[in-house]
Amino acid sequence: MELPLPQDKKLTVLCRVEPGCLGPRGSDLIEEFCKHAQIQIEGFDADFIHWQIIPRHDKSLAEIEYKINNKTITQNQAAIYLDKFSRNLDEFEDFFHEILIELIEEFTKS
């Protein structure tokens, strides 16, 4: 597969971040944090991943959602997609959560 993939073939990883993870002022800071996190993370696996970091105002929506060409796919389908690029879904999600924690800590210190 030739990289980088066109936008419509990339896996979109939509991550919803809860305001509470930013502390008591989280609801005031969440929009700014998501913009900051988006910039920091968008380079990771950018050849085949499109990141979307947004606030999670509705807890009924999943924390992480996967899409291809604006169509939601299952976690199993995302695992198959990532496997094509020698990535394991569990390790991919763990890595992302570690980065997110680092970004939260960095953001809340400033």
PDB file of N, CA and C in Angstrom:
ATOM      1  N   MET A   1       0.844  -1.182   0.000  1.00  0.00           N
ATOM      2  CA  MET A   1       0.000   0.000   0.000  1.00  0.00           C
ATOM      3  C   MET A   1       0.888   1.244   0.000  1.00  0.00           C
ATOM      4  N   GLU A   2       0.584   2.139  -0.874  1.00  0.00           N
ATOM      5  CA  GLU A   2       1.390   3.354  -1.015  1.00  0.00           C
ATOM      6  C   GLU A   2       0.956   4.402   0.008  1.00  0.00           C
ATOM      7  N   LEU A   3       1.940   4.905   0.729  1.00  0.00           N
ATOM      8  CA  LEU A   3       1.675   5.914   1.758  1.00  0.00           C
ATOM      9  C   LEU A   3       2.222   7.256   1.316  1.00  0.00           C
ATOM     10  N   PRO A   4       1.660   8.359   1.719  1.00  0.00           N
ATOM     11  CA  PRO A   4       0.469   8.474   2.562  1.00  0.00           C
ATOM     12  C   PRO A   4      -0.802   8.139   1.788  1.00  0.00           C
ATOM     13  N   LEU A   5      -1.759   7.619   2.516  1.00  0.00           N
ATOM     14  CA  LEU A   5      -3.053   7.294   1.932  1.00  0.00           C
ATOM     15  C   LEU A   5      -3.839   8.581   1.680  1.00  0.00           C
ATOM     16  N   PRO A   6      -4.735   8.553   0.689  1.00  0.00           N
ATOM     17  CA  PRO A   6      -5.637   9.702   0.521  1.00  0.00           C
ATOM     18  C   PRO A   6      -6.561   9.810   1.734  1.00  0.00           C
ATOM     19  N   GLN A   7      -7.059  10.985   2.004  1.00  0.00           N
ATOM     20  CA  GLN A   7      -7.890  11.257   3.184  1.00  0.00           C
ATOM     21  C   GLN A   7      -9.049  10.274   3.311  1.00  0.00           C
ATOM     22  N   ASP A   8      -9.702   9.930   2.210  1.00  0.00           N
ATOM     23  CA  ASP A   8     -10.881   9.065   2.292  1.00  0.00           C
ATOM     24  C   ASP A   8     -10.548   7.609   2.601  1.00  0.00           C
ATOM     25  N   LYS A   9      -9.276   7.256   2.595  1.00  0.00           N
ATOM     26  CA  LYS A   9      -8.849   5.888   2.933  1.00  0.00           C
ATOM     27  C   LYS A   9      -8.226   5.804   4.326  1.00  0.00           C
ATOM     28  N   LYS A  10      -7.966   6.950   4.929  1.00  0.00           N
ATOM     29  CA  LYS A  10      -7.356   6.968   6.257  1.00  0.00           C
ATOM     30  C   LYS A  10      -8.377   6.579   7.327  1.00  0.00           C
ATOM     31  N   LEU A  11      -7.854   5.991   8.393  1.00  0.00           N
ATOM     32  CA  LEU A  11      -8.671   5.687   9.560  1.00  0.00           C
ATOM     33  C   LEU A  11      -8.780   6.959  10.393  1.00  0.00           C
ATOM     34  N   THR A  12     -10.002   7.409  10.606  1.00  0.00           N
ATOM     35  CA  THR A  12     -10.216   8.544  11.496  1.00  0.00           C
ATOM     36  C   THR A  12     -10.382   8.005  12.904  1.00  0.00           C
ATOM     37  N   VAL A  13      -9.566   8.516  13.811  1.00  0.00           N
ATOM     38  CA  VAL A  13      -9.660   8.166  15.221  1.00  0.00           C
ATOM     39  C   VAL A  13     -10.253   9.384  15.913  1.00  0.00           C
ATOM     40  N   LEU A  14     -11.517   9.260  16.284  1.00  0.00           N
ATOM     41  CA  LEU A  14     -12.233  10.336  16.956  1.00  0.00           C
ATOM     42  C   LEU A  14     -12.160  10.075  18.457  1.00  0.00           C
ATOM     43  N   CYS A  15     -11.509  10.978  19.160  1.00  0.00           N
ATOM     44  CA  CYS A  15     -11.363  10.827  20.604  1.00  0.00           C
ATOM     45  C   CYS A  15     -12.102  11.958  21.292  1.00  0.00           C
ATOM     46  N   ARG A  16     -12.985  11.568  22.181  1.00  0.00           N
ATOM     47  CA  ARG A  16     -13.736  12.542  22.970  1.00  0.00           C
ATOM     48  C   ARG A  16     -13.105  12.615  24.356  1.00  0.00           C
ATOM     49  N   VAL A  17     -12.700  13.816  24.742  1.00  0.00           N
ATOM     50  CA  VAL A  17     -12.019  14.036  26.019  1.00  0.00           C
ATOM     51  C   VAL A  17     -12.993  14.678  26.996  1.00  0.00           C
ATOM     52  N   GLU A  18     -13.114  14.078  28.170  1.00  0.00           N
ATOM     53  CA  GLU A  18     -14.029  14.595  29.186  1.00  0.00           C
ATOM     54  C   GLU A  18     -13.430  15.824  29.866  1.00  0.00           C
ATOM     55  N   PRO A  19     -14.223  16.880  30.035  1.00  0.00           N
ATOM     56  CA  PRO A  19     -13.729  18.087  30.694  1.00  0.00           C
ATOM     57  C   PRO A  19     -13.159  17.819  32.089  1.00  0.00           C
ATOM     58  N   GLY A  20     -13.731  16.880  32.822  1.00  0.00           N
ATOM     59  CA  GLY A  20     -13.300  16.583  34.181  1.00  0.00           C
ATOM     60  C   GLY A  20     -11.851  16.159  34.296  1.00  0.00           C
ATOM     61  N   CYS A  21     -11.274  15.651  33.202  1.00  0.00           N
ATOM     62  CA  CYS A  21      -9.873  15.212  33.268  1.00  0.00           C
ATOM     63  C   CYS A  21      -8.919  16.404  33.392  1.00  0.00           C
ATOM     64  N   LEU A  22      -9.446  17.615  33.203  1.00  0.00           N
ATOM     65  CA  LEU A  22      -8.620  18.821  33.313  1.00  0.00           C
ATOM     66  C   LEU A  22      -8.782  19.507  34.664  1.00  0.00           C
ATOM     67  N   GLY A  23      -9.466  18.845  35.576  1.00  0.00           N
ATOM     68  CA  GLY A  23      -9.635  19.419  36.907  1.00  0.00           C
ATOM     69  C   GLY A  23     -10.922  20.196  37.035  1.00  0.00           C
ATOM     70  N   PRO A  24     -11.060  20.944  38.141  1.00  0.00           N
ATOM     71  CA  PRO A  24     -12.313  21.632  38.432  1.00  0.00           C
ATOM     72  C   PRO A  24     -12.701  22.698  37.398  1.00  0.00           C
ATOM     73  N   ARG A  25     -11.729  23.248  36.690  1.00  0.00           N
ATOM     74  CA  ARG A  25     -12.019  24.249  35.649  1.00  0.00           C
ATOM     75  C   ARG A  25     -12.088  23.621  34.263  1.00  0.00           C
ATOM     76  N   GLY A  26     -12.208  22.306  34.221  1.00  0.00           N
ATOM     77  CA  GLY A  26     -12.170  21.570  32.961  1.00  0.00           C
ATOM     78  C   GLY A  26     -13.145  22.053  31.907  1.00  0.00           C
ATOM     79  N   SER A  27     -14.356  22.357  32.326  1.00  0.00           N
ATOM     80  CA  SER A  27     -15.351  22.794  31.337  1.00  0.00           C
ATOM     81  C   SER A  27     -14.959  24.119  30.685  1.00  0.00           C
ATOM     82  N   ASP A  28     -14.182  24.946  31.398  1.00  0.00           N
ATOM     83  CA  ASP A  28     -13.705  26.217  30.826  1.00  0.00           C
ATOM     84  C   ASP A  28     -12.502  26.000  29.907  1.00  0.00           C
ATOM     85  N   LEU A  29     -11.779  24.912  30.109  1.00  0.00           N
ATOM     86  CA  LEU A  29     -10.515  24.685  29.407  1.00  0.00           C
ATOM     87  C   LEU A  29     -10.581  23.658  28.287  1.00  0.00           C
ATOM     88  N   ILE A  30     -11.655  22.872  28.232  1.00  0.00           N
ATOM     89  CA  ILE A  30     -11.672  21.703  27.353  1.00  0.00           C
ATOM     90  C   ILE A  30     -11.520  22.053  25.871  1.00  0.00           C
ATOM     91  N   GLU A  31     -12.156  23.105  25.418  1.00  0.00           N
ATOM     92  CA  GLU A  31     -12.042  23.483  23.993  1.00  0.00           C
ATOM     93  C   GLU A  31     -10.593  23.811  23.641  1.00  0.00           C
ATOM     94  N   GLU A  32      -9.964  24.620  24.479  1.00  0.00           N
ATOM     95  CA  GLU A  32      -8.567  25.006  24.255  1.00  0.00           C
ATOM     96  C   GLU A  32      -7.652  23.779  24.317  1.00  0.00           C
ATOM     97  N   PHE A  33      -7.909  22.895  25.281  1.00  0.00           N
ATOM     98  CA  PHE A  33      -7.091  21.696  25.385  1.00  0.00           C
ATOM     99  C   PHE A  33      -7.213  20.829  24.133  1.00  0.00           C
ATOM    100  N   CYS A  34      -8.422  20.629  23.653  1.00  0.00           N
ATOM    101  CA  CYS A  34      -8.620  19.779  22.472  1.00  0.00           C
ATOM    102  C   CYS A  34      -7.891  20.342  21.256  1.00  0.00           C
ATOM    103  N   LYS A  35      -7.909  21.645  21.093  1.00  0.00           N
ATOM    104  CA  LYS A  35      -7.155  22.269  19.993  1.00  0.00           C
ATOM    105  C   LYS A  35      -5.662  22.016  20.163  1.00  0.00           C
ATOM    106  N   HIS A  36      -5.172  22.177  21.377  1.00  0.00           N
ATOM    107  CA  HIS A  36      -3.756  21.938  21.687  1.00  0.00           C
ATOM    108  C   HIS A  36      -3.394  20.473  21.419  1.00  0.00           C
ATOM    109  N   ALA A  37      -4.208  19.551  21.919  1.00  0.00           N
ATOM    110  CA  ALA A  37      -3.941  18.123  21.753  1.00  0.00           C
ATOM    111  C   ALA A  37      -3.983  17.728  20.276  1.00  0.00           C
ATOM    112  N   GLN A  38      -4.915  18.299  19.531  1.00  0.00           N
ATOM    113  CA  GLN A  38      -5.032  18.012  18.095  1.00  0.00           C
ATOM    114  C   GLN A  38      -3.726  18.331  17.375  1.00  0.00           C
ATOM    115  N   ILE A  39      -3.180  19.488  17.660  1.00  0.00           N
ATOM    116  CA  ILE A  39      -1.920  19.907  17.032  1.00  0.00           C
ATOM    117  C   ILE A  39      -0.786  18.979  17.423  1.00  0.00           C
ATOM    118  N   GLN A  40      -0.743  18.595  18.692  1.00  0.00           N
ATOM    119  CA  GLN A  40       0.349  17.765  19.194  1.00  0.00           C
ATOM    120  C   GLN A  40       0.296  16.340  18.647  1.00  0.00           C
ATOM    121  N   ILE A  41      -0.876  15.821  18.392  1.00  0.00           N
ATOM    122  CA  ILE A  41      -0.996  14.397  18.043  1.00  0.00           C
ATOM    123  C   ILE A  41      -1.172  14.145  16.550  1.00  0.00           C
ATOM    124  N   GLU A  42      -1.527  15.153  15.781  1.00  0.00           N
ATOM    125  CA  GLU A  42      -1.889  14.889  14.396  1.00  0.00           C
ATOM    126  C   GLU A  42      -0.756  14.315  13.542  1.00  0.00           C
ATOM    127  N   GLY A  43       0.489  14.425  13.981  1.00  0.00           N
ATOM    128  CA  GLY A  43       1.601  13.867  13.220  1.00  0.00           C
ATOM    129  C   GLY A  43       1.814  12.378  13.423  1.00  0.00           C
ATOM    130  N   PHE A  44       1.213  11.796  14.475  1.00  0.00           N
ATOM    131  CA  PHE A  44       1.406  10.378  14.753  1.00  0.00           C
ATOM    132  C   PHE A  44       0.692   9.520  13.703  1.00  0.00           C
ATOM    133  N   ASP A  45       1.447   8.682  13.020  1.00  0.00           N
ATOM    134  CA  ASP A  45       0.913   7.781  11.993  1.00  0.00           C
ATOM    135  C   ASP A  45       0.055   8.526  10.970  1.00  0.00           C
ATOM    136  N   ALA A  46       0.445   9.748  10.658  1.00  0.00           N
ATOM    137  CA  ALA A  46      -0.349  10.609   9.780  1.00  0.00           C
ATOM    138  C   ALA A  46      -0.493  10.069   8.360  1.00  0.00           C
ATOM    139  N   ASP A  47       0.356   9.120   7.984  1.00  0.00           N
ATOM    140  CA  ASP A  47       0.242   8.547   6.638  1.00  0.00           C
ATOM    141  C   ASP A  47      -1.040   7.744   6.456  1.00  0.00           C
ATOM    142  N   PHE A  48      -1.587   7.209   7.571  1.00  0.00           N
ATOM    143  CA  PHE A  48      -2.792   6.391   7.446  1.00  0.00           C
ATOM    144  C   PHE A  48      -3.828   6.657   8.548  1.00  0.00           C
ATOM    145  N   ILE A  49      -3.543   7.628   9.430  1.00  0.00           N
ATOM    146  CA  ILE A  49      -4.480   7.987  10.507  1.00  0.00           C
ATOM    147  C   ILE A  49      -4.820   9.473  10.418  1.00  0.00           C
ATOM    148  N   HIS A  50      -6.092   9.762  10.601  1.00  0.00           N
ATOM    149  CA  HIS A  50      -6.558  11.146  10.747  1.00  0.00           C
ATOM    150  C   HIS A  50      -7.133  11.254  12.159  1.00  0.00           C
ATOM    151  N   TRP A  51      -6.583  12.138  12.967  1.00  0.00           N
ATOM    152  CA  TRP A  51      -6.998  12.307  14.352  1.00  0.00           C
ATOM    153  C   TRP A  51      -8.042  13.398  14.478  1.00  0.00           C
ATOM    154  N   GLN A  52      -8.997  13.198  15.364  1.00  0.00           N
ATOM    155  CA  GLN A  52      -9.967  14.226  15.742  1.00  0.00           C
ATOM    156  C   GLN A  52     -10.100  14.181  17.260  1.00  0.00           C
ATOM    157  N   ILE A  53      -9.637  15.232  17.915  1.00  0.00           N
ATOM    158  CA  ILE A  53      -9.727  15.336  19.370  1.00  0.00           C
ATOM    159  C   ILE A  53     -10.789  16.384  19.671  1.00  0.00           C
ATOM    160  N   ILE A  54     -11.864  15.943  20.326  1.00  0.00           N
ATOM    161  CA  ILE A  54     -12.979  16.851  20.616  1.00  0.00           C
ATOM    162  C   ILE A  54     -13.441  16.659  22.062  1.00  0.00           C
ATOM    163  N   PRO A  55     -14.154  17.654  22.611  1.00  0.00           N
ATOM    164  CA  PRO A  55     -14.699  17.512  23.968  1.00  0.00           C
ATOM    165  C   PRO A  55     -15.771  16.422  24.019  1.00  0.00           C
ATOM    166  N   ARG A  56     -15.883  15.761  25.158  1.00  0.00           N
ATOM    167  CA  ARG A  56     -16.923  14.752  25.358  1.00  0.00           C
ATOM    168  C   ARG A  56     -17.981  15.344  26.287  1.00  0.00           C
ATOM    169  N   HIS A  57     -18.939  16.017  25.682  1.00  0.00           N
ATOM    170  CA  HIS A  57     -20.015  16.624  26.457  1.00  0.00           C
ATOM    171  C   HIS A  57     -21.158  15.636  26.683  1.00  0.00           C
ATOM    172  N   ASP A  58     -21.260  14.645  25.823  1.00  0.00           N
ATOM    173  CA  ASP A  58     -22.328  13.646  25.919  1.00  0.00           C
ATOM    174  C   ASP A  58     -21.700  12.307  26.299  1.00  0.00           C
ATOM    175  N   LYS A  59     -21.894  11.897  27.543  1.00  0.00           N
ATOM    176  CA  LYS A  59     -21.259  10.666  28.035  1.00  0.00           C
ATOM    177  C   LYS A  59     -21.859   9.405  27.421  1.00  0.00           C
ATOM    178  N   SER A  60     -22.951   9.548  26.693  1.00  0.00           N
ATOM    179  CA  SER A  60     -23.520   8.373  26.033  1.00  0.00           C
ATOM    180  C   SER A  60     -22.730   8.021  24.766  1.00  0.00           C
ATOM    181  N   LEU A  61     -21.903   8.947  24.299  1.00  0.00           N
ATOM    182  CA  LEU A  61     -21.074   8.694  23.119  1.00  0.00           C
ATOM    183  C   LEU A  61     -19.762   8.049  23.548  1.00  0.00           C
ATOM    184  N   ALA A  62     -19.253   7.175  22.704  1.00  0.00           N
ATOM    185  CA  ALA A  62     -18.014   6.455  23.006  1.00  0.00           C
ATOM    186  C   ALA A  62     -16.836   7.414  23.152  1.00  0.00           C
ATOM    187  N   GLU A  63     -15.890   7.019  23.992  1.00  0.00           N
ATOM    188  CA  GLU A  63     -14.681   7.823  24.170  1.00  0.00           C
ATOM    189  C   GLU A  63     -13.842   7.809  22.893  1.00  0.00           C
ATOM    190  N   ILE A  64     -13.721   6.637  22.279  1.00  0.00           N
ATOM    191  CA  ILE A  64     -12.983   6.520  21.022  1.00  0.00           C
ATOM    192  C   ILE A  64     -13.911   5.907  19.986  1.00  0.00           C
ATOM    193  N   GLU A  65     -13.919   6.519  18.809  1.00  0.00           N
ATOM    194  CA  GLU A  65     -14.740   6.038  17.706  1.00  0.00           C
ATOM    195  C   GLU A  65     -13.851   5.986  16.472  1.00  0.00           C
ATOM    196  N   TYR A  66     -14.061   4.971  15.666  1.00  0.00           N
ATOM    197  CA  TYR A  66     -13.260   4.804  14.452  1.00  0.00           C
ATOM    198  C   TYR A  66     -14.152   4.968  13.229  1.00  0.00           C
ATOM    199  N   LYS A  67     -13.602   5.641  12.221  1.00  0.00           N
ATOM    200  CA  LYS A  67     -14.359   5.875  10.989  1.00  0.00           C
ATOM    201  C   LYS A  67     -13.424   5.762   9.794  1.00  0.00           C
ATOM    202  N   ILE A  68     -13.992   5.403   8.677  1.00  0.00           N
ATOM    203  CA  ILE A  68     -13.295   5.490   7.394  1.00  0.00           C
ATOM    204  C   ILE A  68     -14.260   6.177   6.441  1.00  0.00           C
ATOM    205  N   ASN A  69     -13.789   7.250   5.833  1.00  0.00           N
ATOM    206  CA  ASN A  69     -14.604   8.036   4.897  1.00  0.00           C
ATOM    207  C   ASN A  69     -15.939   8.431   5.531  1.00  0.00           C
ATOM    208  N   ASN A  70     -15.883   8.910   6.773  1.00  0.00           N
ATOM    209  CA  ASN A  70     -17.041   9.369   7.554  1.00  0.00           C
ATOM    210  C   ASN A  70     -18.031   8.269   7.920  1.00  0.00           C
ATOM    211  N   LYS A  71     -17.669   7.016   7.723  1.00  0.00           N
ATOM    212  CA  LYS A  71     -18.540   5.897   8.105  1.00  0.00           C
ATOM    213  C   LYS A  71     -17.953   5.230   9.344  1.00  0.00           C
ATOM    214  N   THR A  72     -18.750   5.140  10.397  1.00  0.00           N
ATOM    215  CA  THR A  72     -18.297   4.508  11.636  1.00  0.00           C
ATOM    216  C   THR A  72     -18.063   3.023  11.402  1.00  0.00           C
ATOM    217  N   ILE A  73     -16.935   2.543  11.930  1.00  0.00           N
ATOM    218  CA  ILE A  73     -16.620   1.121  11.847  1.00  0.00           C
ATOM    219  C   ILE A  73     -16.479   0.559  13.257  1.00  0.00           C
ATOM    220  N   THR A  74     -16.544  -0.756  13.361  1.00  0.00           N
ATOM    221  CA  THR A  74     -16.433  -1.402  14.666  1.00  0.00           C
ATOM    222  C   THR A  74     -14.979  -1.420  15.127  1.00  0.00           C
ATOM    223  N   GLN A  75     -14.816  -1.725  16.398  1.00  0.00           N
ATOM    224  CA  GLN A  75     -13.468  -1.848  16.950  1.00  0.00           C
ATOM    225  C   GLN A  75     -12.727  -2.998  16.261  1.00  0.00           C
ATOM    226  N   ASN A  76     -13.435  -4.072  15.955  1.00  0.00           N
ATOM    227  CA  ASN A  76     -12.841  -5.207  15.261  1.00  0.00           C
ATOM    228  C   ASN A  76     -12.370  -4.796  13.857  1.00  0.00           C
ATOM    229  N   GLN A  77     -13.174  -4.023  13.154  1.00  0.00           N
ATOM    230  CA  GLN A  77     -12.784  -3.544  11.827  1.00  0.00           C
ATOM    231  C   GLN A  77     -11.568  -2.618  11.924  1.00  0.00           C
ATOM    232  N   ALA A  78     -11.537  -1.797  12.967  1.00  0.00           N
ATOM    233  CA  ALA A  78     -10.381  -0.921  13.172  1.00  0.00           C
ATOM    234  C   ALA A  78      -9.128  -1.746  13.437  1.00  0.00           C
ATOM    235  N   ALA A  79      -9.273  -2.831  14.189  1.00  0.00           N
ATOM    236  CA  ALA A  79      -8.138  -3.716  14.473  1.00  0.00           C
ATOM    237  C   ALA A  79      -7.606  -4.329  13.180  1.00  0.00           C
ATOM    238  N   ILE A  80      -8.487  -4.749  12.304  1.00  0.00           N
ATOM    239  CA  ILE A  80      -8.078  -5.323  11.014  1.00  0.00           C
ATOM    240  C   ILE A  80      -7.362  -4.265  10.180  1.00  0.00           C
ATOM    241  N   TYR A  81      -7.903  -3.064  10.163  1.00  0.00           N
ATOM    242  CA  TYR A  81      -7.274  -1.956   9.424  1.00  0.00           C
ATOM    243  C   TYR A  81      -5.860  -1.704   9.953  1.00  0.00           C
ATOM    244  N   LEU A  82      -5.726  -1.554  11.269  1.00  0.00           N
ATOM    245  CA  LEU A  82      -4.424  -1.259  11.867  1.00  0.00           C
ATOM    246  C   LEU A  82      -3.428  -2.389  11.651  1.00  0.00           C
ATOM    247  N   ASP A  83      -3.924  -3.613  11.618  1.00  0.00           N
ATOM    248  CA  ASP A  83      -3.051  -4.767  11.384  1.00  0.00           C
ATOM    249  C   ASP A  83      -2.349  -4.665  10.028  1.00  0.00           C
ATOM    250  N   LYS A  84      -3.006  -4.058   9.055  1.00  0.00           N
ATOM    251  CA  LYS A  84      -2.405  -3.870   7.726  1.00  0.00           C
ATOM    252  C   LYS A  84      -1.157  -2.983   7.792  1.00  0.00           C
ATOM    253  N   PHE A  85      -1.056  -2.211   8.871  1.00  0.00           N
ATOM    254  CA  PHE A  85       0.085  -1.318   9.067  1.00  0.00           C
ATOM    255  C   PHE A  85       0.943  -1.771  10.253  1.00  0.00           C
ATOM    256  N   SER A  86       0.823  -3.046  10.565  1.00  0.00           N
ATOM    257  CA  SER A  86       1.600  -3.671  11.649  1.00  0.00           C
ATOM    258  C   SER A  86       1.373  -2.987  12.989  1.00  0.00           C
ATOM    259  N   ARG A  87       0.130  -2.591  13.240  1.00  0.00           N
ATOM    260  CA  ARG A  87      -0.240  -1.991  14.514  1.00  0.00           C
ATOM    261  C   ARG A  87      -1.274  -2.878  15.188  1.00  0.00           C
ATOM    262  N   ASN A  88      -1.155  -3.017  16.486  1.00  0.00           N
ATOM    263  CA  ASN A  88      -2.103  -3.764  17.292  1.00  0.00           C
ATOM    264  C   ASN A  88      -3.055  -2.758  17.941  1.00  0.00           C
ATOM    265  N   LEU A  89      -4.354  -3.003  17.857  1.00  0.00           N
ATOM    266  CA  LEU A  89      -5.341  -2.042  18.365  1.00  0.00           C
ATOM    267  C   LEU A  89      -5.145  -1.731  19.840  1.00  0.00           C
ATOM    268  N   ASP A  90      -4.957  -2.761  20.672  1.00  0.00           N
ATOM    269  CA  ASP A  90      -4.790  -2.524  22.111  1.00  0.00           C
ATOM    270  C   ASP A  90      -3.549  -1.677  22.384  1.00  0.00           C
ATOM    271  N   GLU A  91      -2.447  -2.000  21.729  1.00  0.00           N
ATOM    272  CA  GLU A  91      -1.210  -1.226  21.908  1.00  0.00           C
ATOM    273  C   GLU A  91      -1.381   0.187  21.370  1.00  0.00           C
ATOM    274  N   PHE A  92      -2.093   0.328  20.253  1.00  0.00           N
ATOM    275  CA  PHE A  92      -2.369   1.624  19.649  1.00  0.00           C
ATOM    276  C   PHE A  92      -3.159   2.502  20.617  1.00  0.00           C
ATOM    277  N   GLU A  93      -4.211   1.930  21.220  1.00  0.00           N
ATOM    278  CA  GLU A  93      -5.034   2.687  22.163  1.00  0.00           C
ATOM    279  C   GLU A  93      -4.246   3.011  23.432  1.00  0.00           C
ATOM    280  N   ASP A  94      -3.449   2.057  23.921  1.00  0.00           N
ATOM    281  CA  ASP A  94      -2.621   2.313  25.109  1.00  0.00           C
ATOM    282  C   ASP A  94      -1.646   3.453  24.855  1.00  0.00           C
ATOM    283  N   PHE A  95      -0.996   3.420  23.697  1.00  0.00           N
ATOM    284  CA  PHE A  95      -0.053   4.478  23.322  1.00  0.00           C
ATOM    285  C   PHE A  95      -0.771   5.824  23.286  1.00  0.00           C
ATOM    286  N   PHE A  96      -1.935   5.850  22.653  1.00  0.00           N
ATOM    287  CA  PHE A  96      -2.691   7.095  22.557  1.00  0.00           C
ATOM    288  C   PHE A  96      -3.061   7.618  23.937  1.00  0.00           C
ATOM    289  N   HIS A  97      -3.528   6.744  24.825  1.00  0.00           N
ATOM    290  CA  HIS A  97      -3.907   7.183  26.176  1.00  0.00           C
ATOM    291  C   HIS A  97      -2.697   7.720  26.946  1.00  0.00           C
ATOM    292  N   GLU A  98      -1.536   7.103  26.771  1.00  0.00           N
ATOM    293  CA  GLU A  98      -0.317   7.609  27.422  1.00  0.00           C
ATOM    294  C   GLU A  98       0.023   9.011  26.927  1.00  0.00           C
ATOM    295  N   ILE A  99      -0.062   9.210  25.629  1.00  0.00           N
ATOM    296  CA  ILE A  99       0.207  10.540  25.056  1.00  0.00           C
ATOM    297  C   ILE A  99      -0.808  11.545  25.587  1.00  0.00           C
ATOM    298  N   LEU A 100      -2.065  11.139  25.630  1.00  0.00           N
ATOM    299  CA  LEU A 100      -3.125  12.032  26.105  1.00  0.00           C
ATOM    300  C   LEU A 100      -2.880  12.438  27.555  1.00  0.00           C
ATOM    301  N   ILE A 101      -2.480  11.486  28.391  1.00  0.00           N
ATOM    302  CA  ILE A 101      -2.168  11.793  29.794  1.00  0.00           C
ATOM    303  C   ILE A 101      -1.023  12.794  29.875  1.00  0.00           C
ATOM    304  N   GLU A 102       0.024  12.599  29.080  1.00  0.00           N
ATOM    305  CA  GLU A 102       1.153  13.529  29.055  1.00  0.00           C
ATOM    306  C   GLU A 102       0.697  14.931  28.636  1.00  0.00           C
ATOM    307  N   LEU A 103      -0.159  14.988  27.625  1.00  0.00           N
ATOM    308  CA  LEU A 103      -0.662  16.278  27.144  1.00  0.00           C
ATOM    309  C   LEU A 103      -1.511  16.965  28.204  1.00  0.00           C
ATOM    310  N   ILE A 104      -2.330  16.202  28.923  1.00  0.00           N
ATOM    311  CA  ILE A 104      -3.160  16.760  29.994  1.00  0.00           C
ATOM    312  C   ILE A 104      -2.269  17.327  31.090  1.00  0.00           C
ATOM    313  N   GLU A 105      -1.260  16.543  31.507  1.00  0.00           N
ATOM    314  CA  GLU A 105      -0.350  17.003  32.555  1.00  0.00           C
ATOM    315  C   GLU A 105       0.392  18.262  32.124  1.00  0.00           C
ATOM    316  N   GLU A 106       0.872  18.269  30.905  1.00  0.00           N
ATOM    317  CA  GLU A 106       1.587  19.440  30.369  1.00  0.00           C
ATOM    318  C   GLU A 106       0.664  20.660  30.327  1.00  0.00           C
ATOM    319  N   PHE A 107      -0.562  20.455  29.855  1.00  0.00           N
ATOM    320  CA  PHE A 107      -1.528  21.532  29.697  1.00  0.00           C
ATOM    321  C   PHE A 107      -1.952  22.117  31.041  1.00  0.00           C
ATOM    322  N   THR A 108      -2.174  21.260  32.021  1.00  0.00           N
ATOM    323  CA  THR A 108      -2.659  21.741  33.319  1.00  0.00           C
ATOM    324  C   THR A 108      -1.554  22.417  34.140  1.00  0.00           C
ATOM    325  N   LYS A 109      -0.306  22.168  33.788  1.00  0.00           N
ATOM    326  CA  LYS A 109       0.815  22.823  34.483  1.00  0.00           C
ATOM    327  C   LYS A 109       1.021  24.250  33.986  1.00  0.00           C
ATOM    328  N   SER A 110       0.602  24.528  32.757  1.00  0.00           N
ATOM    329  CA  SER A 110       0.847  25.864  32.195  1.00  0.00           C
ATOM    330  C   SER A 110      -0.214  26.865  32.590  1.00  0.00           C
TER     331      SER A 110
END
